[in-house]
């Protein structure tokens, strides 16, 4: 292992403990991750990743990272429901998914941390003073972009009523998504709230419209 990898691995953590990677299935079993929600968020995240690729600019090599980050975003729920974003970060810093390259381990941990509470300029600035800010700048950038997608994907399953993305319409600097399903109104509203990081990163507005109910 190169010295750069060693310092990068340490800088991605809030402590000096070296990570012990864990297979995804073991993470699910040990930390009681809700499988159905994780799968729905992963599905949503991958759809958003594909549709919004011209805007976020992440190459196809990051597709597995987005999927993995979605699957483990709620790792800390059973450990500490109220602060599961922090608990999840700390767990994933110790036990990153073994299926990912070592360089990307900190990304899933910090994505878990960023998925819950509001994210604005001040929060991102504060992150720079944490171990997050010691990661290479390109990984910080990737983390924020992945987290923006996971926040939206998570919100789309907020109602746990199987909401889905419908038609996506691009017009100028706006993308309008139709949201379909019984929980569409609830989840569309949630997506607006969780779109704060996206709005901070990009000058393309995203809009979420529940599918009109047919009589």
N, C-alpha and C. Protein backbone atom coordinates (compact mmCIF):
# COMPACT_ATOMS: atom_id res chain seq x y z
N UNK A 1 0.84 -1.19 0.00
CA UNK A 1 0.00 0.00 0.00
C UNK A 1 0.87 1.24 0.00
N UNK A 2 0.54 2.22 -0.83
CA UNK A 2 1.35 3.42 -0.92
C UNK A 2 1.15 4.30 0.29
N UNK A 3 2.12 5.19 0.55
CA UNK A 3 2.01 6.11 1.68
C UNK A 3 0.84 7.06 1.47
N UNK A 4 0.52 7.40 0.20
CA UNK A 4 -0.62 8.28 -0.07
C UNK A 4 -1.92 7.62 0.36
N UNK A 5 -2.06 6.33 0.07
CA UNK A 5 -3.26 5.61 0.47
C UNK A 5 -3.37 5.57 1.99
N UNK A 6 -2.23 5.36 2.67
CA UNK A 6 -2.26 5.29 4.14
C UNK A 6 -2.75 6.59 4.73
N UNK A 7 -2.20 7.72 4.26
CA UNK A 7 -2.61 9.00 4.82
C UNK A 7 -4.02 9.33 4.42
N UNK A 8 -4.44 8.92 3.23
CA UNK A 8 -5.80 9.17 2.77
C UNK A 8 -6.78 8.39 3.62
N UNK A 9 -6.44 7.14 3.93
CA UNK A 9 -7.33 6.32 4.74
C UNK A 9 -7.49 6.92 6.12
N UNK A 10 -6.39 7.36 6.72
CA UNK A 10 -6.46 7.93 8.05
C UNK A 10 -7.22 9.25 8.04
N UNK A 11 -7.02 10.06 7.01
CA UNK A 11 -7.65 11.38 6.96
C UNK A 11 -9.15 11.28 6.78
N UNK A 12 -9.66 10.16 6.30
CA UNK A 12 -11.09 10.02 6.10
C UNK A 12 -11.81 9.63 7.37
N UNK A 13 -11.09 9.42 8.46
CA UNK A 13 -11.70 8.93 9.68
C UNK A 13 -11.70 9.98 10.77
N UNK A 14 -12.66 9.83 11.72
CA UNK A 14 -12.71 10.73 12.87
C UNK A 14 -11.82 10.23 14.00
N UNK A 15 -11.16 9.09 13.81
CA UNK A 15 -10.27 8.57 14.84
C UNK A 15 -9.10 7.88 14.15
N UNK A 16 -8.22 7.30 14.96
CA UNK A 16 -7.01 6.71 14.41
C UNK A 16 -7.14 5.21 14.16
N UNK A 17 -8.33 4.64 14.37
CA UNK A 17 -8.52 3.22 14.16
C UNK A 17 -8.53 2.90 12.68
N UNK A 18 -7.72 1.93 12.28
CA UNK A 18 -7.70 1.56 10.87
C UNK A 18 -8.98 0.82 10.50
N UNK A 19 -9.54 1.11 9.34
CA UNK A 19 -10.79 0.46 8.92
C UNK A 19 -10.64 -1.05 8.78
N UNK A 20 -11.70 -1.75 9.09
CA UNK A 20 -11.79 -3.19 8.87
C UNK A 20 -12.99 -3.42 7.95
N UNK A 21 -12.75 -3.52 6.64
CA UNK A 21 -13.87 -3.65 5.70
C UNK A 21 -14.73 -4.87 5.99
N UNK A 22 -16.02 -4.73 5.70
CA UNK A 22 -16.99 -5.78 5.98
C UNK A 22 -17.87 -5.98 4.74
N UNK A 23 -18.10 -7.21 4.33
CA UNK A 23 -18.98 -7.45 3.19
C UNK A 23 -20.36 -6.84 3.43
N UNK A 24 -20.99 -6.41 2.36
CA UNK A 24 -22.28 -5.74 2.45
C UNK A 24 -23.30 -6.57 3.22
N UNK A 25 -23.40 -7.85 2.92
CA UNK A 25 -24.38 -8.69 3.60
C UNK A 25 -24.14 -8.74 5.10
N UNK A 26 -22.88 -8.72 5.51
CA UNK A 26 -22.57 -8.72 6.93
C UNK A 26 -22.99 -7.40 7.58
N UNK A 27 -22.83 -6.30 6.86
CA UNK A 27 -23.28 -5.00 7.38
C UNK A 27 -24.79 -5.02 7.60
N UNK A 28 -25.51 -5.58 6.63
CA UNK A 28 -26.97 -5.66 6.74
C UNK A 28 -27.38 -6.44 7.99
N UNK A 29 -26.74 -7.59 8.21
CA UNK A 29 -27.12 -8.45 9.32
C UNK A 29 -26.67 -7.86 10.67
N UNK A 30 -25.45 -7.40 10.74
CA UNK A 30 -24.94 -6.92 12.03
C UNK A 30 -25.63 -5.65 12.50
N UNK A 31 -25.96 -4.75 11.56
CA UNK A 31 -26.51 -3.46 11.95
C UNK A 31 -28.00 -3.30 11.65
N UNK A 32 -28.65 -4.39 11.29
CA UNK A 32 -30.10 -4.38 11.14
C UNK A 32 -30.63 -3.38 10.12
N UNK A 33 -29.93 -3.22 9.03
CA UNK A 33 -30.36 -2.28 7.99
C UNK A 33 -31.68 -2.76 7.38
N UNK A 34 -32.63 -1.85 7.24
CA UNK A 34 -33.93 -2.18 6.67
C UNK A 34 -33.77 -2.46 5.18
N UNK A 35 -33.89 -3.71 4.82
CA UNK A 35 -33.58 -4.14 3.46
C UNK A 35 -34.48 -3.49 2.40
N UNK A 36 -35.78 -3.47 2.64
CA UNK A 36 -36.69 -2.95 1.61
C UNK A 36 -36.43 -1.48 1.35
N UNK A 37 -36.22 -0.69 2.40
CA UNK A 37 -35.93 0.73 2.22
C UNK A 37 -34.59 0.92 1.52
N UNK A 38 -33.59 0.18 1.94
CA UNK A 38 -32.27 0.28 1.32
C UNK A 38 -32.34 -0.03 -0.17
N UNK A 39 -33.08 -1.08 -0.51
CA UNK A 39 -33.21 -1.45 -1.93
C UNK A 39 -33.94 -0.38 -2.72
N UNK A 40 -35.00 0.19 -2.14
CA UNK A 40 -35.74 1.25 -2.83
C UNK A 40 -34.88 2.49 -3.05
N UNK A 41 -34.12 2.86 -2.02
CA UNK A 41 -33.26 4.04 -2.14
C UNK A 41 -32.17 3.80 -3.18
N UNK A 42 -31.64 2.59 -3.21
CA UNK A 42 -30.62 2.26 -4.22
C UNK A 42 -31.20 2.33 -5.63
N UNK A 43 -32.40 1.79 -5.81
CA UNK A 43 -33.07 1.87 -7.10
C UNK A 43 -33.28 3.32 -7.51
N UNK A 44 -33.79 4.13 -6.58
CA UNK A 44 -34.04 5.54 -6.87
C UNK A 44 -32.75 6.27 -7.20
N UNK A 45 -31.71 5.98 -6.43
CA UNK A 45 -30.43 6.66 -6.62
C UNK A 45 -29.83 6.36 -7.98
N UNK A 46 -29.92 5.10 -8.41
CA UNK A 46 -29.37 4.73 -9.71
C UNK A 46 -30.16 5.37 -10.85
N UNK A 47 -31.48 5.48 -10.70
CA UNK A 47 -32.29 6.14 -11.72
C UNK A 47 -31.93 7.63 -11.80
N UNK A 48 -31.80 8.27 -10.65
CA UNK A 48 -31.41 9.68 -10.62
C UNK A 48 -30.01 9.87 -11.19
N UNK A 49 -29.12 8.95 -10.85
CA UNK A 49 -27.75 9.00 -11.36
C UNK A 49 -27.74 9.00 -12.88
N UNK A 50 -28.54 8.13 -13.49
CA UNK A 50 -28.58 8.02 -14.95
C UNK A 50 -29.24 9.24 -15.58
N UNK A 51 -30.38 9.63 -15.06
CA UNK A 51 -31.15 10.74 -15.65
C UNK A 51 -30.41 12.06 -15.53
N UNK A 52 -29.78 12.28 -14.40
CA UNK A 52 -29.14 13.57 -14.13
C UNK A 52 -27.65 13.58 -14.46
N UNK A 53 -27.17 12.54 -15.11
CA UNK A 53 -25.74 12.44 -15.45
C UNK A 53 -25.20 13.65 -16.21
N UNK A 54 -25.95 14.24 -17.14
CA UNK A 54 -25.42 15.41 -17.86
C UNK A 54 -25.16 16.60 -16.94
N UNK A 55 -25.79 16.59 -15.76
CA UNK A 55 -25.63 17.72 -14.84
C UNK A 55 -24.58 17.42 -13.77
N UNK A 56 -24.68 16.26 -13.11
CA UNK A 56 -23.73 15.99 -12.03
C UNK A 56 -22.34 15.61 -12.54
N UNK A 57 -22.24 15.09 -13.75
CA UNK A 57 -20.94 14.83 -14.36
C UNK A 57 -20.15 13.67 -13.80
N UNK A 58 -20.73 12.88 -12.92
CA UNK A 58 -20.04 11.69 -12.41
C UNK A 58 -20.04 10.62 -13.49
N UNK A 59 -18.87 10.06 -13.76
CA UNK A 59 -18.76 9.05 -14.80
C UNK A 59 -19.38 7.73 -14.38
N UNK A 60 -19.59 6.83 -15.34
CA UNK A 60 -20.20 5.53 -15.04
C UNK A 60 -19.41 4.70 -14.05
N UNK A 61 -18.13 5.02 -13.87
CA UNK A 61 -17.33 4.28 -12.90
C UNK A 61 -17.80 4.52 -11.46
N UNK A 62 -18.63 5.55 -11.25
CA UNK A 62 -19.14 5.85 -9.91
C UNK A 62 -20.51 5.24 -9.65
N UNK A 63 -21.04 4.51 -10.61
CA UNK A 63 -22.37 3.94 -10.46
C UNK A 63 -22.44 2.97 -9.26
N UNK A 64 -21.44 2.10 -9.14
CA UNK A 64 -21.43 1.16 -8.02
C UNK A 64 -21.30 1.89 -6.69
N UNK A 65 -20.52 2.96 -6.66
CA UNK A 65 -20.36 3.76 -5.44
C UNK A 65 -21.71 4.33 -5.01
N UNK A 66 -22.46 4.89 -5.96
CA UNK A 66 -23.77 5.47 -5.65
C UNK A 66 -24.70 4.39 -5.11
N UNK A 67 -24.70 3.24 -5.75
CA UNK A 67 -25.55 2.14 -5.28
C UNK A 67 -25.17 1.71 -3.88
N UNK A 68 -23.88 1.56 -3.62
CA UNK A 68 -23.42 1.10 -2.32
C UNK A 68 -23.73 2.13 -1.23
N UNK A 69 -23.52 3.41 -1.55
CA UNK A 69 -23.81 4.47 -0.58
C UNK A 69 -25.29 4.48 -0.23
N UNK A 70 -26.14 4.21 -1.21
CA UNK A 70 -27.58 4.15 -0.96
C UNK A 70 -27.93 2.97 -0.06
N UNK A 71 -27.34 1.83 -0.33
CA UNK A 71 -27.66 0.62 0.42
C UNK A 71 -27.28 0.72 1.90
N UNK A 72 -26.23 1.49 2.21
CA UNK A 72 -25.76 1.54 3.60
C UNK A 72 -26.02 2.89 4.27
N UNK A 73 -26.81 3.75 3.66
CA UNK A 73 -26.98 5.10 4.22
C UNK A 73 -27.61 5.09 5.60
N UNK A 74 -28.42 4.06 5.90
CA UNK A 74 -29.09 3.98 7.20
C UNK A 74 -28.43 2.98 8.15
N UNK A 75 -27.16 2.75 7.99
CA UNK A 75 -26.45 1.77 8.82
C UNK A 75 -26.57 2.06 10.32
N UNK A 76 -26.69 3.32 10.70
CA UNK A 76 -26.69 3.68 12.12
C UNK A 76 -28.05 3.72 12.79
N UNK A 77 -29.14 3.39 12.07
CA UNK A 77 -30.49 3.54 12.62
C UNK A 77 -30.71 2.73 13.90
N UNK A 78 -30.34 1.47 13.88
CA UNK A 78 -30.56 0.61 15.06
C UNK A 78 -29.65 1.02 16.21
N UNK A 79 -28.45 1.46 15.89
CA UNK A 79 -27.49 1.86 16.92
C UNK A 79 -27.93 3.13 17.64
N UNK A 80 -28.40 4.12 16.88
CA UNK A 80 -28.80 5.41 17.46
C UNK A 80 -29.76 6.09 16.50
N UNK A 81 -31.05 5.85 16.69
CA UNK A 81 -32.06 6.36 15.74
C UNK A 81 -32.00 7.87 15.59
N UNK A 82 -31.95 8.58 16.70
CA UNK A 82 -31.98 10.04 16.66
C UNK A 82 -30.77 10.62 15.94
N UNK A 83 -29.63 10.03 16.16
CA UNK A 83 -28.39 10.52 15.54
C UNK A 83 -27.81 9.48 14.59
N UNK A 84 -28.68 8.83 13.82
CA UNK A 84 -28.20 7.71 13.01
C UNK A 84 -27.27 8.15 11.90
N UNK A 85 -27.31 9.43 11.53
CA UNK A 85 -26.36 9.91 10.51
C UNK A 85 -24.94 9.89 11.06
N UNK A 86 -24.79 10.27 12.34
CA UNK A 86 -23.46 10.22 12.97
C UNK A 86 -23.04 8.79 13.25
N UNK A 87 -23.97 8.02 13.80
CA UNK A 87 -23.66 6.62 14.11
C UNK A 87 -23.28 5.86 12.84
N UNK A 88 -24.03 6.11 11.76
CA UNK A 88 -23.73 5.44 10.50
C UNK A 88 -22.36 5.81 9.95
N UNK A 89 -22.04 7.10 10.05
CA UNK A 89 -20.71 7.53 9.62
C UNK A 89 -19.61 6.80 10.38
N UNK A 90 -19.75 6.76 11.70
CA UNK A 90 -18.70 6.15 12.52
C UNK A 90 -18.57 4.65 12.27
N UNK A 91 -19.72 3.98 12.09
CA UNK A 91 -19.69 2.55 11.78
C UNK A 91 -19.00 2.31 10.45
N UNK A 92 -19.36 3.10 9.45
CA UNK A 92 -18.82 2.88 8.11
C UNK A 92 -17.36 3.32 7.99
N UNK A 93 -16.92 4.22 8.84
CA UNK A 93 -15.49 4.53 8.88
C UNK A 93 -14.70 3.35 9.43
N UNK A 94 -15.32 2.62 10.38
CA UNK A 94 -14.66 1.43 10.94
C UNK A 94 -14.83 0.22 10.03
N UNK A 95 -16.04 0.10 9.45
CA UNK A 95 -16.36 -1.07 8.64
C UNK A 95 -16.93 -0.66 7.28
N UNK A 96 -16.10 -0.16 6.39
CA UNK A 96 -16.58 0.21 5.05
C UNK A 96 -16.95 -1.03 4.25
N UNK A 97 -17.84 -0.89 3.27
CA UNK A 97 -18.20 -2.05 2.44
C UNK A 97 -16.98 -2.61 1.72
N UNK A 98 -16.76 -3.88 1.91
CA UNK A 98 -15.57 -4.53 1.33
C UNK A 98 -15.60 -4.55 -0.19
N UNK A 99 -16.79 -4.37 -0.77
CA UNK A 99 -16.92 -4.43 -2.22
C UNK A 99 -16.37 -3.19 -2.91
N UNK A 100 -16.10 -2.14 -2.16
CA UNK A 100 -15.61 -0.90 -2.76
C UNK A 100 -14.09 -0.78 -2.67
N UNK A 101 -13.47 -0.07 -3.62
CA UNK A 101 -12.03 0.19 -3.52
C UNK A 101 -11.73 1.02 -2.27
N UNK A 102 -10.58 0.80 -1.70
CA UNK A 102 -10.21 1.48 -0.46
C UNK A 102 -10.31 3.00 -0.58
N UNK A 103 -9.94 3.52 -1.71
CA UNK A 103 -9.96 4.97 -1.90
C UNK A 103 -11.34 5.57 -1.67
N UNK A 104 -12.40 4.79 -1.92
CA UNK A 104 -13.76 5.30 -1.84
C UNK A 104 -14.44 5.00 -0.50
N UNK A 105 -13.75 4.33 0.41
CA UNK A 105 -14.36 4.00 1.70
C UNK A 105 -14.88 5.23 2.44
N UNK A 106 -14.09 6.32 2.54
CA UNK A 106 -14.62 7.47 3.29
C UNK A 106 -15.86 8.08 2.66
N UNK A 107 -16.03 7.92 1.36
CA UNK A 107 -17.15 8.55 0.67
C UNK A 107 -18.48 8.02 1.20
N UNK A 108 -18.60 6.69 1.36
CA UNK A 108 -19.87 6.13 1.84
C UNK A 108 -20.14 6.55 3.29
N UNK A 109 -19.09 6.68 4.09
CA UNK A 109 -19.26 7.09 5.49
C UNK A 109 -19.78 8.52 5.58
N UNK A 110 -19.17 9.42 4.83
CA UNK A 110 -19.59 10.82 4.89
C UNK A 110 -20.91 11.04 4.17
N UNK A 111 -21.23 10.21 3.20
CA UNK A 111 -22.55 10.29 2.57
C UNK A 111 -23.63 9.93 3.59
N UNK A 112 -23.38 8.90 4.39
CA UNK A 112 -24.32 8.54 5.45
C UNK A 112 -24.51 9.70 6.42
N UNK A 113 -23.43 10.37 6.75
CA UNK A 113 -23.50 11.51 7.65
C UNK A 113 -24.33 12.65 7.06
N UNK A 114 -24.24 12.84 5.76
CA UNK A 114 -24.88 13.97 5.09
C UNK A 114 -26.32 13.70 4.65
N UNK A 115 -26.82 12.49 4.84
CA UNK A 115 -28.12 12.18 4.23
C UNK A 115 -29.31 12.68 5.03
N UNK A 116 -29.12 13.01 6.31
CA UNK A 116 -30.28 13.26 7.17
C UNK A 116 -30.65 14.74 7.30
N UNK A 117 -29.80 15.53 7.92
CA UNK A 117 -30.16 16.91 8.26
C UNK A 117 -29.93 17.87 7.10
N UNK A 118 -30.48 19.08 7.27
CA UNK A 118 -30.37 20.09 6.22
C UNK A 118 -28.90 20.37 5.91
N UNK A 119 -28.61 20.58 4.65
CA UNK A 119 -27.23 20.88 4.23
C UNK A 119 -27.22 22.20 3.47
N UNK A 120 -26.52 23.17 4.05
CA UNK A 120 -26.36 24.47 3.41
C UNK A 120 -24.90 24.86 3.37
N UNK A 121 -24.63 26.08 2.99
CA UNK A 121 -23.24 26.54 2.87
C UNK A 121 -22.49 26.44 4.20
N UNK A 122 -23.18 26.80 5.29
CA UNK A 122 -22.51 26.77 6.60
C UNK A 122 -22.11 25.36 6.98
N UNK A 123 -23.00 24.40 6.73
CA UNK A 123 -22.68 23.02 7.10
C UNK A 123 -21.50 22.50 6.30
N UNK A 124 -21.49 22.81 5.00
CA UNK A 124 -20.37 22.36 4.17
C UNK A 124 -19.08 23.01 4.64
N UNK A 125 -19.14 24.28 5.01
CA UNK A 125 -17.94 24.97 5.51
C UNK A 125 -17.43 24.32 6.80
N UNK A 126 -18.37 23.92 7.69
CA UNK A 126 -17.97 23.26 8.93
C UNK A 126 -17.33 21.90 8.66
N UNK A 127 -17.82 21.23 7.62
CA UNK A 127 -17.25 19.93 7.27
C UNK A 127 -15.77 20.04 6.94
N UNK A 128 -15.40 21.17 6.37
CA UNK A 128 -14.00 21.36 5.96
C UNK A 128 -13.08 21.35 7.18
N UNK A 129 -13.63 21.65 8.34
CA UNK A 129 -12.82 21.64 9.56
C UNK A 129 -12.76 20.28 10.22
N UNK A 130 -13.52 19.33 9.70
CA UNK A 130 -13.50 17.97 10.23
C UNK A 130 -12.56 17.11 9.38
N UNK A 131 -12.55 15.83 9.67
CA UNK A 131 -11.71 14.92 8.88
C UNK A 131 -12.13 14.92 7.42
N UNK A 132 -13.40 15.25 7.17
CA UNK A 132 -13.88 15.37 5.79
C UNK A 132 -12.98 16.30 4.98
N UNK A 133 -12.58 17.42 5.59
CA UNK A 133 -11.77 18.40 4.90
C UNK A 133 -10.34 17.97 4.66
N UNK A 134 -9.93 16.85 5.26
CA UNK A 134 -8.58 16.34 5.05
C UNK A 134 -8.52 15.34 3.90
N UNK A 135 -9.69 14.96 3.40
CA UNK A 135 -9.69 14.08 2.22
C UNK A 135 -9.23 14.87 1.01
N UNK A 136 -8.70 14.21 -0.01
CA UNK A 136 -8.36 14.90 -1.25
C UNK A 136 -9.58 15.66 -1.77
N UNK A 137 -9.35 16.81 -2.38
CA UNK A 137 -10.46 17.65 -2.82
C UNK A 137 -11.37 16.93 -3.81
N UNK A 138 -10.80 16.07 -4.65
CA UNK A 138 -11.66 15.38 -5.62
C UNK A 138 -12.62 14.43 -4.91
N UNK A 139 -12.19 13.83 -3.80
CA UNK A 139 -13.09 12.94 -3.06
C UNK A 139 -14.14 13.73 -2.28
N UNK A 140 -13.77 14.91 -1.81
CA UNK A 140 -14.77 15.76 -1.17
C UNK A 140 -15.86 16.12 -2.18
N UNK A 141 -15.45 16.44 -3.38
CA UNK A 141 -16.39 16.80 -4.44
C UNK A 141 -17.30 15.62 -4.78
N UNK A 142 -16.71 14.45 -4.93
CA UNK A 142 -17.50 13.24 -5.23
C UNK A 142 -18.49 12.96 -4.11
N UNK A 143 -18.03 13.09 -2.87
CA UNK A 143 -18.90 12.82 -1.72
C UNK A 143 -20.12 13.72 -1.72
N UNK A 144 -19.93 14.99 -1.95
CA UNK A 144 -21.06 15.92 -1.95
C UNK A 144 -22.03 15.61 -3.09
N UNK A 145 -21.49 15.25 -4.24
CA UNK A 145 -22.35 14.92 -5.38
C UNK A 145 -23.14 13.64 -5.13
N UNK A 146 -22.48 12.64 -4.56
CA UNK A 146 -23.17 11.39 -4.25
C UNK A 146 -24.22 11.64 -3.16
N UNK A 147 -23.86 12.42 -2.15
CA UNK A 147 -24.80 12.71 -1.07
C UNK A 147 -26.03 13.45 -1.59
N UNK A 148 -25.85 14.35 -2.55
CA UNK A 148 -26.99 15.08 -3.11
C UNK A 148 -27.98 14.11 -3.76
N UNK A 149 -27.46 13.10 -4.45
CA UNK A 149 -28.32 12.09 -5.07
C UNK A 149 -29.00 11.21 -4.03
N UNK A 150 -28.25 10.79 -3.00
CA UNK A 150 -28.80 9.92 -1.97
C UNK A 150 -29.89 10.63 -1.18
N UNK A 151 -29.73 11.91 -0.93
CA UNK A 151 -30.75 12.67 -0.21
C UNK A 151 -32.07 12.65 -0.98
N UNK A 152 -32.01 12.85 -2.27
CA UNK A 152 -33.22 12.83 -3.10
C UNK A 152 -33.81 11.42 -3.17
N UNK A 153 -32.95 10.43 -3.34
CA UNK A 153 -33.41 9.04 -3.44
C UNK A 153 -34.06 8.58 -2.14
N UNK A 154 -33.51 8.99 -1.02
CA UNK A 154 -34.06 8.66 0.29
C UNK A 154 -35.42 9.32 0.47
N UNK A 155 -35.52 10.57 0.07
CA UNK A 155 -36.78 11.31 0.20
C UNK A 155 -37.89 10.68 -0.63
N UNK A 156 -37.53 10.12 -1.77
CA UNK A 156 -38.52 9.50 -2.65
C UNK A 156 -39.15 8.27 -2.01
N UNK A 157 -38.50 7.71 -1.00
CA UNK A 157 -39.07 6.56 -0.27
C UNK A 157 -39.49 6.95 1.14
N UNK A 158 -39.68 8.22 1.39
CA UNK A 158 -40.01 8.71 2.73
C UNK A 158 -41.30 8.09 3.25
N UNK A 159 -42.31 7.98 2.39
CA UNK A 159 -43.61 7.44 2.81
C UNK A 159 -43.60 5.93 2.95
N UNK A 160 -42.59 5.28 2.43
CA UNK A 160 -42.51 3.80 2.37
C UNK A 160 -43.72 3.23 1.61
N UNK A 161 -44.17 3.97 0.58
CA UNK A 161 -45.31 3.54 -0.21
C UNK A 161 -44.94 3.29 -1.67
N UNK A 162 -43.67 2.96 -1.88
CA UNK A 162 -43.20 2.55 -3.21
C UNK A 162 -43.33 3.63 -4.28
N UNK A 163 -43.12 4.88 -3.93
CA UNK A 163 -43.13 5.95 -4.93
C UNK A 163 -42.01 5.72 -5.93
N UNK A 164 -42.25 6.14 -7.15
CA UNK A 164 -41.27 5.97 -8.22
C UNK A 164 -41.12 7.25 -9.02
N UNK A 165 -39.98 7.37 -9.70
CA UNK A 165 -39.80 8.45 -10.65
C UNK A 165 -40.60 8.13 -11.90
N UNK A 166 -41.33 9.13 -12.39
CA UNK A 166 -42.02 8.99 -13.65
C UNK A 166 -41.24 9.70 -14.74
N UNK A 167 -41.94 10.40 -15.59
CA UNK A 167 -41.32 11.10 -16.70
C UNK A 167 -40.43 12.24 -16.21
N UNK A 168 -39.26 12.38 -16.82
CA UNK A 168 -38.36 13.50 -16.53
C UNK A 168 -38.30 14.40 -17.75
N UNK A 169 -38.53 15.70 -17.54
CA UNK A 169 -38.55 16.66 -18.64
C UNK A 169 -37.48 17.71 -18.43
N UNK A 170 -36.58 17.85 -19.39
CA UNK A 170 -35.52 18.86 -19.33
C UNK A 170 -35.96 20.08 -20.12
N UNK A 171 -35.87 21.24 -19.49
CA UNK A 171 -36.18 22.48 -20.17
C UNK A 171 -35.29 23.59 -19.63
N UNK A 172 -34.34 24.03 -20.45
CA UNK A 172 -33.39 25.04 -20.00
C UNK A 172 -32.61 24.55 -18.81
N UNK A 173 -32.62 25.35 -17.75
CA UNK A 173 -31.91 24.97 -16.52
C UNK A 173 -32.87 24.41 -15.48
N UNK A 174 -33.82 23.65 -15.93
CA UNK A 174 -34.79 23.03 -15.04
C UNK A 174 -35.07 21.60 -15.49
N UNK A 175 -35.19 20.71 -14.50
CA UNK A 175 -35.60 19.33 -14.77
C UNK A 175 -36.85 19.08 -13.94
N UNK A 176 -37.92 18.67 -14.60
CA UNK A 176 -39.17 18.38 -13.90
C UNK A 176 -39.39 16.86 -13.87
N UNK A 177 -39.55 16.34 -12.66
CA UNK A 177 -39.81 14.91 -12.46
C UNK A 177 -41.27 14.71 -12.09
N UNK A 178 -41.89 13.74 -12.71
CA UNK A 178 -43.20 13.30 -12.27
C UNK A 178 -42.96 12.19 -11.24
N UNK A 179 -43.67 12.28 -10.10
CA UNK A 179 -43.56 11.28 -9.04
C UNK A 179 -44.84 10.47 -9.03
N UNK A 180 -44.70 9.17 -9.12
CA UNK A 180 -45.88 8.31 -9.20
C UNK A 180 -45.96 7.37 -7.99
N UNK A 181 -47.19 6.99 -7.64
CA UNK A 181 -47.40 6.10 -6.52
C UNK A 181 -48.36 6.69 -5.50
N UNK A 182 -48.84 5.87 -4.58
CA UNK A 182 -49.80 6.32 -3.59
C UNK A 182 -49.23 7.39 -2.66
N UNK A 183 -47.95 7.34 -2.42
CA UNK A 183 -47.33 8.33 -1.54
C UNK A 183 -46.67 9.47 -2.28
N UNK A 184 -47.05 9.69 -3.54
CA UNK A 184 -46.37 10.66 -4.39
C UNK A 184 -46.36 12.08 -3.81
N UNK A 185 -47.49 12.52 -3.26
CA UNK A 185 -47.56 13.88 -2.72
C UNK A 185 -46.62 14.04 -1.53
N UNK A 186 -46.63 13.07 -0.65
CA UNK A 186 -45.76 13.11 0.53
C UNK A 186 -44.29 13.12 0.11
N UNK A 187 -43.96 12.23 -0.81
CA UNK A 187 -42.56 12.06 -1.18
C UNK A 187 -42.04 13.20 -2.06
N UNK A 188 -42.90 13.75 -2.91
CA UNK A 188 -42.50 14.90 -3.72
C UNK A 188 -42.16 16.10 -2.83
N UNK A 189 -42.99 16.31 -1.82
CA UNK A 189 -42.73 17.40 -0.88
C UNK A 189 -41.42 17.18 -0.13
N UNK A 190 -41.18 15.94 0.25
CA UNK A 190 -39.94 15.61 0.95
C UNK A 190 -38.73 15.83 0.06
N UNK A 191 -38.87 15.51 -1.22
CA UNK A 191 -37.76 15.70 -2.16
C UNK A 191 -37.40 17.16 -2.31
N UNK A 192 -38.39 18.05 -2.26
CA UNK A 192 -38.10 19.47 -2.28
C UNK A 192 -37.21 19.86 -1.10
N UNK A 193 -37.56 19.34 0.08
CA UNK A 193 -36.80 19.68 1.28
C UNK A 193 -35.38 19.11 1.22
N UNK A 194 -35.27 17.89 0.70
CA UNK A 194 -33.96 17.24 0.67
C UNK A 194 -33.14 17.61 -0.58
N UNK A 195 -33.67 18.51 -1.37
CA UNK A 195 -32.95 18.97 -2.56
C UNK A 195 -32.01 20.13 -2.29
N UNK A 196 -31.81 20.47 -1.01
CA UNK A 196 -30.99 21.63 -0.66
C UNK A 196 -29.53 21.48 -1.11
N UNK A 197 -28.97 20.30 -0.92
CA UNK A 197 -27.57 20.11 -1.32
C UNK A 197 -27.44 20.16 -2.84
N UNK A 198 -28.40 19.56 -3.53
CA UNK A 198 -28.38 19.65 -4.99
C UNK A 198 -28.36 21.11 -5.44
N UNK A 199 -29.24 21.93 -4.85
CA UNK A 199 -29.33 23.35 -5.23
C UNK A 199 -28.04 24.09 -4.92
N UNK A 200 -27.35 23.64 -3.88
CA UNK A 200 -26.08 24.27 -3.51
C UNK A 200 -24.98 23.95 -4.52
N UNK A 201 -25.04 22.76 -5.09
CA UNK A 201 -23.97 22.31 -5.99
C UNK A 201 -24.19 22.71 -7.45
N UNK A 202 -25.45 22.82 -7.87
CA UNK A 202 -25.73 23.00 -9.30
C UNK A 202 -26.67 24.18 -9.53
N UNK A 203 -26.58 24.75 -10.73
CA UNK A 203 -27.48 25.85 -11.09
C UNK A 203 -28.66 25.36 -11.92
N UNK A 204 -28.90 24.06 -11.88
CA UNK A 204 -30.05 23.47 -12.56
C UNK A 204 -31.11 23.12 -11.52
N UNK A 205 -32.26 23.73 -11.65
CA UNK A 205 -33.35 23.51 -10.71
C UNK A 205 -34.04 22.18 -10.99
N UNK A 206 -34.44 21.49 -9.94
CA UNK A 206 -35.22 20.26 -10.12
C UNK A 206 -36.58 20.44 -9.46
N UNK A 207 -37.59 19.98 -10.14
CA UNK A 207 -38.96 20.13 -9.67
C UNK A 207 -39.61 18.76 -9.61
N UNK A 208 -40.46 18.57 -8.59
CA UNK A 208 -41.10 17.27 -8.38
C UNK A 208 -42.61 17.46 -8.35
N UNK A 209 -43.28 16.82 -9.29
CA UNK A 209 -44.73 16.98 -9.40
C UNK A 209 -45.41 15.62 -9.23
N UNK A 210 -46.25 15.50 -8.18
CA UNK A 210 -46.98 14.23 -8.01
C UNK A 210 -47.89 13.98 -9.20
N UNK A 211 -47.96 12.75 -9.61
CA UNK A 211 -48.84 12.39 -10.70
C UNK A 211 -50.29 12.65 -10.30
N UNK A 212 -51.04 13.33 -11.15
CA UNK A 212 -52.42 13.64 -10.83
C UNK A 212 -53.23 12.35 -10.75
N UNK A 213 -54.11 12.30 -9.75
CA UNK A 213 -54.92 11.10 -9.56
C UNK A 213 -56.05 11.08 -10.58
N UNK A 214 -56.21 9.93 -11.21
CA UNK A 214 -57.27 9.79 -12.20
C UNK A 214 -58.54 9.27 -11.53
N UNK A 215 -59.61 9.85 -11.94
CA UNK A 215 -60.89 9.44 -11.37
C UNK A 215 -61.34 8.10 -11.96
